[in-house]
Structure formats: C-alpha cells, structure tokens
C-alpha atoms as a PDB file:
ATOM      1  CA  MET A   1     -11.590  59.666  -0.841  1.00  0.00           C
ATOM      2  CA  THR A   2     -13.439  56.629  -2.144  1.00  0.00           C
ATOM      3  CA  LEU A   3     -12.624  53.754  -4.433  1.00  0.00           C
ATOM      4  CA  ASP A   4     -14.639  52.701  -7.473  1.00  0.00           C
ATOM      5  CA  ARG A   5     -14.076  49.042  -8.319  1.00  0.00           C
ATOM      6  CA  ARG A   6     -14.793  49.482 -12.020  1.00  0.00           C
ATOM      7  CA  GLN A   7     -12.351  52.374 -12.282  1.00  0.00           C
ATOM      8  CA  PHE A   8      -9.770  50.398 -10.357  1.00  0.00           C
ATOM      9  CA  LEU A   9     -10.138  47.353 -12.605  1.00  0.00           C
ATOM     10  CA  ARG A  10      -9.837  49.641 -15.613  1.00  0.00           C
ATOM     11  CA  GLN A  11      -6.460  50.747 -14.302  1.00  0.00           C
ATOM     12  CA  ALA A  12      -5.508  47.108 -13.821  1.00  0.00           C
ATOM     13  CA  LEU A  13      -6.135  46.621 -17.535  1.00  0.00           C
ATOM     14  CA  LEU A  14      -3.630  49.363 -18.239  1.00  0.00           C
ATOM     15  CA  ILE A  15      -0.823  47.612 -16.425  1.00  0.00           C
ATOM     16  CA  GLY A  16      -1.818  44.127 -17.553  1.00  0.00           C
ATOM     17  CA  GLY A  17      -1.937  42.528 -14.117  1.00  0.00           C
ATOM     18  CA  THR A  18      -3.747  39.310 -13.353  1.00  0.00           C
ATOM     19  CA  ALA A  19      -7.261  39.194 -11.953  1.00  0.00           C
ATOM     20  CA  LEU A  20      -5.956  38.078  -8.574  1.00  0.00           C
ATOM     21  CA  MET A  21      -3.435  40.922  -8.507  1.00  0.00           C
ATOM     22  CA  ALA A  22      -6.163  43.412  -9.347  1.00  0.00           C
ATOM     23  CA  GLU A  23      -8.435  42.170  -6.576  1.00  0.00           C
ATOM     24  CA  GLU A  24      -5.585  42.079  -4.052  1.00  0.00           C
ATOM     25  CA  ALA A  25      -4.439  45.566  -5.011  1.00  0.00           C
ATOM     26  CA  PHE A  26      -7.944  46.903  -4.609  1.00  0.00           C
ATOM     27  CA  ALA A  27      -8.236  45.332  -1.147  1.00  0.00           C
ATOM     28  CA  GLN A  28      -4.844  46.747  -0.142  1.00  0.00           C
ATOM     29  CA  ALA A  29      -5.803  50.230  -1.331  1.00  0.00           C
ATOM     30  CA  ALA A  30      -9.060  50.073   0.619  1.00  0.00           C
ATOM     31  CA  GLN A  31      -7.223  48.930   3.745  1.00  0.00           C
ATOM     32  CA  GLN A  32      -4.748  51.788   3.349  1.00  0.00           C
ATOM     33  CA  LEU A  33      -7.619  54.251   3.340  1.00  0.00           C
ATOM     34  CA  ILE A  34      -8.891  52.782   6.612  1.00  0.00           C
ATOM     35  CA  THR A  35      -5.396  52.898   8.134  1.00  0.00           C
ATOM     36  CA  ASN A  36      -4.865  56.512   7.089  1.00  0.00           C
ATOM     37  CA  ALA A  37      -8.241  57.500   8.503  1.00  0.00           C
ATOM     38  CA  SER A  38      -7.467  55.820  11.819  1.00  0.00           C
ATOM     39  CA  ALA A  39      -4.107  57.599  11.988  1.00  0.00           C
ATOM     40  CA  GLY A  40      -5.694  60.963  11.229  1.00  0.00           C
ATOM     41  CA  LYS A  41      -3.749  61.322   7.971  1.00  0.00           C
ATOM     42  CA  ILE A  42      -6.771  62.179   5.856  1.00  0.00           C
ATOM     43  CA  SER A  43      -7.425  65.895   5.531  1.00  0.00           C
ATOM     44  CA  LYS A  44     -10.357  67.261   7.514  1.00  0.00           C
ATOM     45  CA  LYS A  45     -11.065  69.860   4.861  1.00  0.00           C
ATOM     46  CA  PRO A  46     -14.605  69.663   3.462  1.00  0.00           C
ATOM     47  CA  LEU A  47     -14.695  67.221   0.584  1.00  0.00           C
ATOM     48  CA  ILE A  48     -15.879  68.532  -2.752  1.00  0.00           C
ATOM     49  CA  ILE A  49     -17.967  65.707  -4.144  1.00  0.00           C
ATOM     50  CA  PRO A  50     -18.040  65.794  -7.941  1.00  0.00           C
ATOM     51  CA  LYS A  51     -21.422  65.525  -9.578  1.00  0.00           C
ATOM     52  CA  LYS A  52     -22.304  62.146 -11.052  1.00  0.00           C
ATOM     53  CA  ILE A  53     -22.831  62.227 -14.807  1.00  0.00           C
ATOM     54  CA  ILE A  54     -26.043  60.475 -15.808  1.00  0.00           C
ATOM     55  CA  ALA A  55     -26.657  59.532 -19.445  1.00  0.00           C
ATOM     56  CA  ILE A  56     -30.359  59.704 -20.324  1.00  0.00           C
ATOM     57  CA  ASP A  57     -31.282  57.928 -23.518  1.00  0.00           C
ATOM     58  CA  ALA A  58     -34.619  58.883 -25.090  1.00  0.00           C
ATOM     59  CA  GLY A  59     -35.487  55.866 -27.211  1.00  0.00           C
ATOM     60  CA  HIS A  60     -35.980  56.187 -30.980  1.00  0.00           C
ATOM     61  CA  GLY A  61     -36.197  59.579 -32.734  1.00  0.00           C
ATOM     62  CA  GLY A  62     -36.165  61.138 -36.175  1.00  0.00           C
ATOM     63  CA  LYS A  63     -37.058  58.640 -38.890  1.00  0.00           C
ATOM     64  CA  ASP A  64     -37.583  55.988 -36.204  1.00  0.00           C
ATOM     65  CA  PRO A  65     -40.852  56.757 -34.360  1.00  0.00           C
ATOM     66  CA  GLY A  66     -40.759  53.609 -32.242  1.00  0.00           C
ATOM     67  CA  ALA A  67     -44.105  52.220 -31.130  1.00  0.00           C
ATOM     68  CA  ILE A  68     -47.260  54.031 -32.257  1.00  0.00           C
ATOM     69  CA  GLY A  69     -50.154  54.155 -29.834  1.00  0.00           C
ATOM     70  CA  ALA A  70     -53.798  53.301 -30.466  1.00  0.00           C
ATOM     71  CA  HIS A  71     -54.519  57.034 -30.733  1.00  0.00           C
ATOM     72  CA  GLY A  72     -51.441  57.944 -32.764  1.00  0.00           C
ATOM     73  CA  THR A  73     -48.949  58.694 -29.970  1.00  0.00           C
ATOM     74  CA  TYR A  74     -45.331  58.253 -31.068  1.00  0.00           C
ATOM     75  CA  GLU A  75     -42.990  56.532 -28.648  1.00  0.00           C
ATOM     76  CA  LYS A  76     -40.173  58.896 -29.636  1.00  0.00           C
ATOM     77  CA  GLN A  77     -42.217  61.860 -28.399  1.00  0.00           C
ATOM     78  CA  ILE A  78     -42.975  60.300 -25.017  1.00  0.00           C
ATOM     79  CA  THR A  79     -39.407  59.159 -24.375  1.00  0.00           C
ATOM     80  CA  PHE A  80     -37.976  62.567 -25.243  1.00  0.00           C
ATOM     81  CA  ALA A  81     -40.481  64.416 -23.049  1.00  0.00           C
ATOM     82  CA  VAL A  82     -39.712  62.222 -20.027  1.00  0.00           C
ATOM     83  CA  ALA A  83     -35.960  62.361 -20.734  1.00  0.00           C
ATOM     84  CA  ARG A  84     -35.974  66.162 -20.665  1.00  0.00           C
ATOM     85  CA  GLU A  85     -38.017  66.246 -17.475  1.00  0.00           C
ATOM     86  CA  LEU A  86     -35.753  63.662 -15.841  1.00  0.00           C
ATOM     87  CA  ALA A  87     -32.703  65.716 -16.832  1.00  0.00           C
ATOM     88  CA  ARG A  88     -34.289  68.812 -15.304  1.00  0.00           C
ATOM     89  CA  GLN A  89     -35.085  67.064 -12.030  1.00  0.00           C
ATOM     90  CA  LEU A  90     -31.681  65.387 -11.729  1.00  0.00           C
ATOM     91  CA  GLU A  91     -29.889  68.681 -12.344  1.00  0.00           C
ATOM     92  CA  ALA A  92     -32.119  70.447  -9.810  1.00  0.00           C
ATOM     93  CA  THR A  93     -30.796  68.173  -7.032  1.00  0.00           C
ATOM     94  CA  GLY A  94     -27.323  69.667  -7.452  1.00  0.00           C
ATOM     95  CA  ARG A  95     -25.853  66.170  -7.320  1.00  0.00           C
ATOM     96  CA  TYR A  96     -25.959  65.161 -10.976  1.00  0.00           C
ATOM     97  CA  THR A  97     -25.023  66.366 -14.438  1.00  0.00           C
ATOM     98  CA  PRO A  98     -27.450  64.862 -16.965  1.00  0.00           C
ATOM     99  CA  VAL A  99     -26.378  64.143 -20.534  1.00  0.00           C
ATOM    100  CA  LEU A 100     -29.001  63.474 -23.212  1.00  0.00           C
ATOM    101  CA  THR A 101     -28.055  61.039 -25.975  1.00  0.00           C
ATOM    102  CA  ARG A 102     -30.318  63.015 -28.300  1.00  0.00           C
ATOM    103  CA  ARG A 103     -31.311  66.635 -27.774  1.00  0.00           C
ATOM    104  CA  ASN A 104     -34.071  66.862 -30.380  1.00  0.00           C
ATOM    105  CA  ASP A 105     -36.199  64.752 -32.695  1.00  0.00           C
ATOM    106  CA  SER A 106     -33.221  63.245 -34.480  1.00  0.00           C
ATOM    107  CA  PHE A 107     -32.169  59.718 -35.335  1.00  0.00           C
ATOM    108  CA  VAL A 108     -29.182  58.465 -33.330  1.00  0.00           C
ATOM    109  CA  ALA A 109     -27.785  54.981 -33.959  1.00  0.00           C
ATOM    110  CA  LEU A 110     -27.868  52.666 -30.953  1.00  0.00           C
ATOM    111  CA  GLY A 111     -24.090  52.298 -30.822  1.00  0.00           C
ATOM    112  CA  GLN A 112     -23.615  56.059 -30.921  1.00  0.00           C
ATOM    113  CA  ARG A 113     -25.826  56.451 -27.861  1.00  0.00           C
ATOM    114  CA  VAL A 114     -23.451  54.294 -25.817  1.00  0.00           C
ATOM    115  CA  VAL A 115     -20.423  56.051 -27.312  1.00  0.00           C
ATOM    116  CA  ALA A 116     -21.861  59.424 -26.271  1.00  0.00           C
ATOM    117  CA  ALA A 117     -22.412  58.164 -22.726  1.00  0.00           C
ATOM    118  CA  ARG A 118     -18.839  56.909 -22.506  1.00  0.00           C
ATOM    119  CA  LYS A 119     -17.347  60.099 -23.916  1.00  0.00           C
ATOM    120  CA  ALA A 120     -19.182  62.021 -21.210  1.00  0.00           C
ATOM    121  CA  ASN A 121     -17.662  59.694 -18.579  1.00  0.00           C
ATOM    122  CA  SER A 122     -21.147  58.708 -17.430  1.00  0.00           C
ATOM    123  CA  ALA A 123     -21.594  56.873 -14.147  1.00  0.00           C
ATOM    124  CA  LEU A 124     -25.021  55.519 -15.137  1.00  0.00           C
ATOM    125  CA  PHE A 125     -27.002  54.948 -18.347  1.00  0.00           C
ATOM    126  CA  LEU A 126     -30.810  55.120 -18.354  1.00  0.00           C
ATOM    127  CA  SER A 127     -32.660  54.253 -21.554  1.00  0.00           C
ATOM    128  CA  LEU A 128     -36.352  55.232 -21.722  1.00  0.00           C
ATOM    129  CA  HIS A 129     -38.925  53.433 -23.868  1.00  0.00           C
ATOM    130  CA  ALA A 130     -42.641  52.681 -24.175  1.00  0.00           C
ATOM    131  CA  ASP A 131     -43.871  49.243 -25.225  1.00  0.00           C
ATOM    132  CA  SER A 132     -46.633  48.156 -27.591  1.00  0.00           C
ATOM    133  CA  VAL A 133     -48.514  44.897 -28.179  1.00  0.00           C
ATOM    134  CA  PRO A 134     -51.301  45.773 -30.631  1.00  0.00           C
ATOM    135  CA  ASN A 135     -52.814  42.276 -30.499  1.00  0.00           C
ATOM    136  CA  ASN A 136     -53.145  42.490 -26.695  1.00  0.00           C
ATOM    137  CA  PRO A 137     -54.577  45.920 -25.803  1.00  0.00           C
ATOM    138  CA  ASP A 138     -55.103  44.856 -22.183  1.00  0.00           C
ATOM    139  CA  ALA A 139     -51.360  44.569 -21.545  1.00  0.00           C
ATOM    140  CA  ARG A 140     -50.127  47.490 -19.450  1.00  0.00           C
ATOM    141  CA  GLY A 141     -47.522  48.453 -16.867  1.00  0.00           C
ATOM    142  CA  PHE A 142     -43.824  49.253 -16.594  1.00  0.00           C
ATOM    143  CA  SER A 143     -40.814  46.959 -16.652  1.00  0.00           C
ATOM    144  CA  VAL A 144     -37.054  47.314 -16.201  1.00  0.00           C
ATOM    145  CA  TYR A 145     -34.489  45.497 -18.326  1.00  0.00           C
ATOM    146  CA  THR A 146     -30.859  44.634 -17.703  1.00  0.00           C
ATOM    147  CA  LEU A 147     -28.460  42.808 -20.015  1.00  0.00           C
ATOM    148  CA  SER A 148     -28.973  39.052 -20.106  1.00  0.00           C
ATOM    149  CA  ASP A 149     -26.243  36.877 -18.586  1.00  0.00           C
ATOM    150  CA  LYS A 150     -25.679  34.983 -21.839  1.00  0.00           C
ATOM    151  CA  ALA A 151     -25.280  38.195 -23.781  1.00  0.00           C
ATOM    152  CA  SER A 152     -22.868  39.510 -21.171  1.00  0.00           C
ATOM    153  CA  ASP A 153     -20.673  36.407 -21.252  1.00  0.00           C
ATOM    154  CA  SER A 154     -20.536  36.173 -25.034  1.00  0.00           C
ATOM    155  CA  MET A 155     -19.820  39.886 -25.353  1.00  0.00           C
ATOM    156  CA  THR A 156     -16.900  39.697 -22.919  1.00  0.00           C
ATOM    157  CA  ALA A 157     -15.359  36.861 -24.913  1.00  0.00           C
ATOM    158  CA  ALA A 158     -15.875  38.754 -28.168  1.00  0.00           C
ATOM    159  CA  LEU A 159     -14.320  41.925 -26.765  1.00  0.00           C
ATOM    160  CA  ALA A 160     -11.147  40.083 -25.854  1.00  0.00           C
ATOM    161  CA  ASP A 161     -10.753  39.095 -29.508  1.00  0.00           C
ATOM    162  CA  ARG A 162     -11.433  42.486 -31.041  1.00  0.00           C
ATOM    163  CA  GLU A 163      -8.581  44.687 -32.176  1.00  0.00           C
ATOM    164  CA  ASN A 164     -10.653  47.758 -31.351  1.00  0.00           C
ATOM    165  CA  ALA A 165     -11.627  46.586 -27.871  1.00  0.00           C
ATOM    166  CA  ALA A 166     -10.299  49.914 -26.621  1.00  0.00           C
ATOM    167  CA  ASP A 167     -13.407  51.534 -28.110  1.00  0.00           C
ATOM    168  CA  PHE A 168     -15.477  49.627 -25.580  1.00  0.00           C
ATOM    169  CA  VAL A 169     -13.333  50.011 -22.465  1.00  0.00           C
ATOM    170  CA  GLY A 170     -12.696  53.690 -21.937  1.00  0.00           C
ATOM    171  CA  GLY A 171     -10.135  54.010 -24.718  1.00  0.00           C
ATOM    172  CA  LEU A 172      -7.665  51.598 -23.143  1.00  0.00           C
ATOM    173  CA  ASP A 173      -5.101  49.967 -25.421  1.00  0.00           C
ATOM    174  CA  LEU A 174      -5.376  46.224 -24.797  1.00  0.00           C
ATOM    175  CA  SER A 175      -3.284  45.168 -27.765  1.00  0.00           C
ATOM    176  CA  HIS A 176      -0.207  44.345 -25.653  1.00  0.00           C
ATOM    177  CA  HIS A 177      -2.019  41.934 -23.345  1.00  0.00           C
ATOM    178  CA  SER A 178      -2.614  38.240 -23.878  1.00  0.00           C
ATOM    179  CA  ARG A 179      -6.130  37.095 -24.667  1.00  0.00           C
ATOM    180  CA  GLN A 180      -6.294  35.276 -21.332  1.00  0.00           C
ATOM    181  CA  VAL A 181      -5.433  38.400 -19.317  1.00  0.00           C
ATOM    182  CA  LYS A 182      -7.829  40.538 -21.346  1.00  0.00           C
ATOM    183  CA  THR A 183     -10.636  38.022 -20.921  1.00  0.00           C
ATOM    184  CA  ILE A 184     -10.159  37.739 -17.151  1.00  0.00           C
ATOM    185  CA  LEU A 185      -9.938  41.461 -16.514  1.00  0.00           C
ATOM    186  CA  LEU A 186     -12.749  42.331 -18.888  1.00  0.00           C
ATOM    187  CA  ASP A 187     -14.869  39.700 -17.189  1.00  0.00           C
ATOM    188  CA  LEU A 188     -14.111  41.182 -13.764  1.00  0.00           C
ATOM    189  CA  MET A 189     -15.012  44.647 -14.974  1.00  0.00           C
ATOM    190  CA  HIS A 190     -18.178  43.441 -16.653  1.00  0.00           C
ATOM    191  CA  ARG A 191     -19.282  41.520 -13.558  1.00  0.00           C
ATOM    192  CA  GLU A 192     -18.894  44.665 -11.474  1.00  0.00           C
ATOM    193  CA  THR A 193     -20.948  46.583 -14.028  1.00  0.00           C
ATOM    194  CA  THR A 194     -23.579  43.840 -14.166  1.00  0.00           C
ATOM    195  CA  ASN A 195     -23.962  43.839 -10.390  1.00  0.00           C
ATOM    196  CA  SER A 196     -24.349  47.616 -10.416  1.00  0.00           C
ATOM    197  CA  SER A 197     -26.923  47.419 -13.221  1.00  0.00           C
ATOM    198  CA  LEU A 198     -28.930  44.911 -11.181  1.00  0.00           C
ATOM    199  CA  ALA A 199     -28.751  47.208  -8.157  1.00  0.00           C
ATOM    200  CA  MET A 200     -30.093  50.112 -10.239  1.00  0.00           C
ATOM    201  CA  ALA A 201     -32.879  47.911 -11.615  1.00  0.00           C
ATOM    202  CA  HIS A 202     -33.919  46.914  -8.099  1.00  0.00           C
ATOM    203  CA  ALA A 203     -33.799  50.547  -6.938  1.00  0.00           C
ATOM    204  CA  THR A 204     -36.014  51.535  -9.866  1.00  0.00           C
ATOM    205  CA  LEU A 205     -38.558  48.814  -9.151  1.00  0.00           C
ATOM    206  CA  SER A 206     -38.733  49.774  -5.478  1.00  0.00           C
ATOM    207  CA  LYS A 207     -39.291  53.470  -6.238  1.00  0.00           C
ATOM    208  CA  MET A 208     -41.736  53.002  -9.129  1.00  0.00           C
ATOM    209  CA  ALA A 209     -44.115  50.610  -7.366  1.00  0.00           C
ATOM    210  CA  PRO A 210     -46.793  50.939  -6.081  1.00  0.00           C
ATOM    211  CA  SER A 211     -47.268  54.402  -7.635  1.00  0.00           C
ATOM    212  CA  PHE A 212     -47.094  52.847 -11.098  1.00  0.00           C
ATOM    213  CA  VAL A 213     -48.540  49.561 -12.322  1.00  0.00           C
ATOM    214  CA  PRO A 214     -45.780  46.979 -12.921  1.00  0.00           C
ATOM    215  CA  LEU A 215     -45.867  44.093 -15.344  1.00  0.00           C
ATOM    216  CA  GLN A 216     -45.874  40.610 -13.917  1.00  0.00           C
ATOM    217  CA  LYS A 217     -42.182  39.870 -13.289  1.00  0.00           C
ATOM    218  CA  PRO A 218     -41.231  43.502 -14.018  1.00  0.00           C
ATOM    219  CA  HIS A 219     -37.452  42.871 -13.947  1.00  0.00           C
ATOM    220  CA  ARG A 220     -36.483  41.297 -17.237  1.00  0.00           C
ATOM    221  CA  GLN A 221     -33.297  40.577 -19.166  1.00  0.00           C
ATOM    222  CA  ALA A 222     -32.559  41.007 -22.853  1.00  0.00           C
ATOM    223  CA  ASN A 223     -29.722  41.611 -25.280  1.00  0.00           C
ATOM    224  CA  PHE A 224     -30.546  45.252 -26.009  1.00  0.00           C
ATOM    225  CA  ALA A 225     -27.720  47.076 -27.772  1.00  0.00           C
ATOM    226  CA  VAL A 226     -27.841  50.070 -25.412  1.00  0.00           C
ATOM    227  CA  LEU A 227     -27.200  47.810 -22.407  1.00  0.00           C
ATOM    228  CA  ARG A 228     -23.938  46.317 -23.687  1.00  0.00           C
ATOM    229  CA  SER A 229     -21.433  48.747 -22.177  1.00  0.00           C
ATOM    230  CA  PRO A 230     -18.907  46.746 -20.103  1.00  0.00           C
ATOM    231  CA  ASP A 231     -18.043  49.710 -17.880  1.00  0.00           C
ATOM    232  CA  ILE A 232     -21.265  51.728 -17.370  1.00  0.00           C
ATOM    233  CA  PRO A 233     -24.164  50.358 -15.278  1.00  0.00           C
ATOM    234  CA  SER A 234     -27.161  50.426 -17.620  1.00  0.00           C
ATOM    235  CA  ILE A 235     -30.902  49.798 -17.471  1.00  0.00           C
ATOM    236  CA  LEU A 236     -33.744  50.141 -19.958  1.00  0.00           C
ATOM    237  CA  VAL A 237     -37.135  51.254 -18.621  1.00  0.00           C
ATOM    238  CA  GLU A 238     -40.319  50.404 -20.526  1.00  0.00           C
ATOM    239  CA  MET A 239     -42.596  53.054 -19.026  1.00  0.00           C
ATOM    240  CA  GLY A 240     -45.883  51.534 -20.191  1.00  0.00           C
ATOM    241  CA  PHE A 241     -47.799  50.251 -23.220  1.00  0.00           C
ATOM    242  CA  LEU A 242     -48.880  52.704 -25.892  1.00  0.00           C
ATOM    243  CA  SER A 243     -51.162  49.960 -27.196  1.00  0.00           C
ATOM    244  CA  ASN A 244     -53.161  50.219 -23.947  1.00  0.00           C
ATOM    245  CA  ASN A 245     -55.670  53.088 -23.792  1.00  0.00           C
ATOM    246  CA  ASP A 246     -55.042  53.853 -20.118  1.00  0.00           C
ATOM    247  CA  ASP A 247     -51.242  53.738 -20.394  1.00  0.00           C
ATOM    248  CA  GLU A 248     -51.228  55.799 -23.579  1.00  0.00           C
ATOM    249  CA  LYS A 249     -53.452  58.477 -22.040  1.00  0.00           C
ATOM    250  CA  ALA A 250     -51.311  58.643 -18.892  1.00  0.00           C
ATOM    251  CA  LEU A 251     -48.005  58.781 -20.762  1.00  0.00           C
ATOM    252  CA  ARG A 252     -49.226  61.790 -22.758  1.00  0.00           C
ATOM    253  CA  GLU A 253     -49.957  63.798 -19.587  1.00  0.00           C
ATOM    254  CA  GLU A 254     -47.260  66.180 -18.356  1.00  0.00           C
ATOM    255  CA  ALA A 255     -48.163  65.522 -14.715  1.00  0.00           C
ATOM    256  CA  TYR A 256     -47.667  61.804 -15.245  1.00  0.00           C
ATOM    257  CA  GLN A 257     -44.351  62.429 -17.008  1.00  0.00           C
ATOM    258  CA  ARG A 258     -43.183  64.579 -14.091  1.00  0.00           C
ATOM    259  CA  LYS A 259     -44.150  61.833 -11.656  1.00  0.00           C
ATOM    260  CA  LEU A 260     -42.252  59.236 -13.693  1.00  0.00           C
ATOM    261  CA  ALA A 261     -39.166  61.461 -13.709  1.00  0.00           C
ATOM    262  CA  SER A 262     -39.525  62.051  -9.977  1.00  0.00           C
ATOM    263  CA  ARG A 263     -39.572  58.321  -9.233  1.00  0.00           C
ATOM    264  CA  LEU A 264     -36.577  57.707 -11.484  1.00  0.00           C
ATOM    265  CA  THR A 265     -34.706  60.509  -9.706  1.00  0.00           C
ATOM    266  CA  LEU A 266     -35.421  58.814  -6.367  1.00  0.00           C
ATOM    267  CA  ALA A 267     -34.119  55.556  -7.844  1.00  0.00           C
ATOM    268  CA  VAL A 268     -30.876  57.252  -8.936  1.00  0.00           C
ATOM    269  CA  ASP A 269     -30.472  58.685  -5.432  1.00  0.00           C
ATOM    270  CA  ALA A 270     -31.066  55.255  -3.876  1.00  0.00           C
ATOM    271  CA  PHE A 271     -28.550  53.650  -6.233  1.00  0.00           C
ATOM    272  CA  PHE A 272     -25.733  56.049  -5.403  1.00  0.00           C
ATOM    273  CA  SER A 273     -26.438  56.099  -1.677  1.00  0.00           C
ATOM    274  CA  ALA A 274     -26.376  52.319  -1.328  1.00  0.00           C
END
C-alpha cells in the first residue's frame, strides 16, 4: 500500500479540511503504514501493482498542421508518429496503459486534450511538439517545458473563484467550501503537481541528453494550455526544430522516432521509480 499526496489532498478537498489538517492527516496515515508494517499487520500476499495511465498528447492535428518544415514536413505528422511509437513502447513494458489524446489526424481543442487525460485518470501527461524559427535556420535541439510559476499561481486563484472548479479538480464539488479553504487546498494540490512536473522534466532531460542535442537552457517555463491541469503532472517536449535541415531530416526518420520514444520511456520509468 502506498500513499499519493495529490490523491490524498483531493480527498481533503472533499471534506473541506484546512491545509494544516490535510498535511497532518497525510503524515498520520503514512506513520500508520510504517507501524502496521513493523507489527506484521500488512498482508504478505504479492501486491498487484496497477498500471500507470499515461496521457500522450500529439500536438496539433486536422486543420491545424502546426509548424511546417523547410522541406514541407508537418509538425502534426511528426508528433503523431512519435506519440504512437511512445504508446507502443510504454505498453510493451507491461507497467503502463497509454492513452492518446488524438488517435488520428483530427483537430482536438487544447482544453479537450486535458479533459481526456483527466477522464482516463492519467498519472502523467506528455505533450509532444516540434518547434520552428524560420528566420533562424541554425536553431536546433530539444527542450522541455513546464508551467510557469506565475501562471500556476494565477490559475489557482482563478479556480477558487470559478463555479465550475469541479471540472478542473477530478469532478469534486467545491461549492460548499469557503474561498479561503478552496484556495489553500487547491494551492497545496497544485504545488504537489508542480513539483512532480519538475521531477518529470528533469528525468526527461537526463535521459534525452547526450543522445539528443539540447537547446541552451533546455528546461523552460511557459503558460501552455495543456500544462494547466492542477492534478496531473504535465510536461511539453519540443523534440527539435523543423526549420532546421538536420532536425527536420532526423525527425522524419522512423529510427530516430523510435529512439526518441525509447528515451521518453526511460524518463517515465525514472520518474515513477524516484
């Protein structure tokens, strides 16, 4: 038996406790696990570990091609190809159940991608993209984005004021709680998610380099819509620059796509084993 802090804080939202109560209750529950283990009260039967659900978001699609490379490569094609390969490799480990936010060349609104991940009860959200800077064809390399701190703080405050905040926090009804309680507990949950997102970003950087060329300062922060979930650790990976001849050529190659997926799979493993 293990405890997930985000899940625990989500339950605290249900009962409307204070932040301090939530933290204390979590610590008490963890201590009880240790006590039970020491007393031999935990069953010695083999544990069945449920598979982690991983949401894989292939950027763009349908009427939205995304970036277009110097030789006509569409970003939506590259992201979907890598997403499918990543799903295949994650499933092959036997430890994960991948969920694609789009399963073909269709347009899916950004908000719907996050909704789909939440409905699937995803433990992690990976959004795949390819960059382009036509006026700087020498720019190349990968980067990893997490939600900016300012965006995170402002979003938490906004969520506490929304009547449909339940849409963003696992369907919980927060209407009976004061704004102060909602703000504190949402902030706690979001901080846990932010820390986990940073951990996944660092795992990705460590597994991608040196096999792939990173941008200078490859970990970046931005207010991307697909990174705004308060309860699912999320990162956005820019896999390279389609405006760069070398990156575009590599991203079109199936062997390169398999290698990218392999490194991302290792990053997912590192994240969950930490």
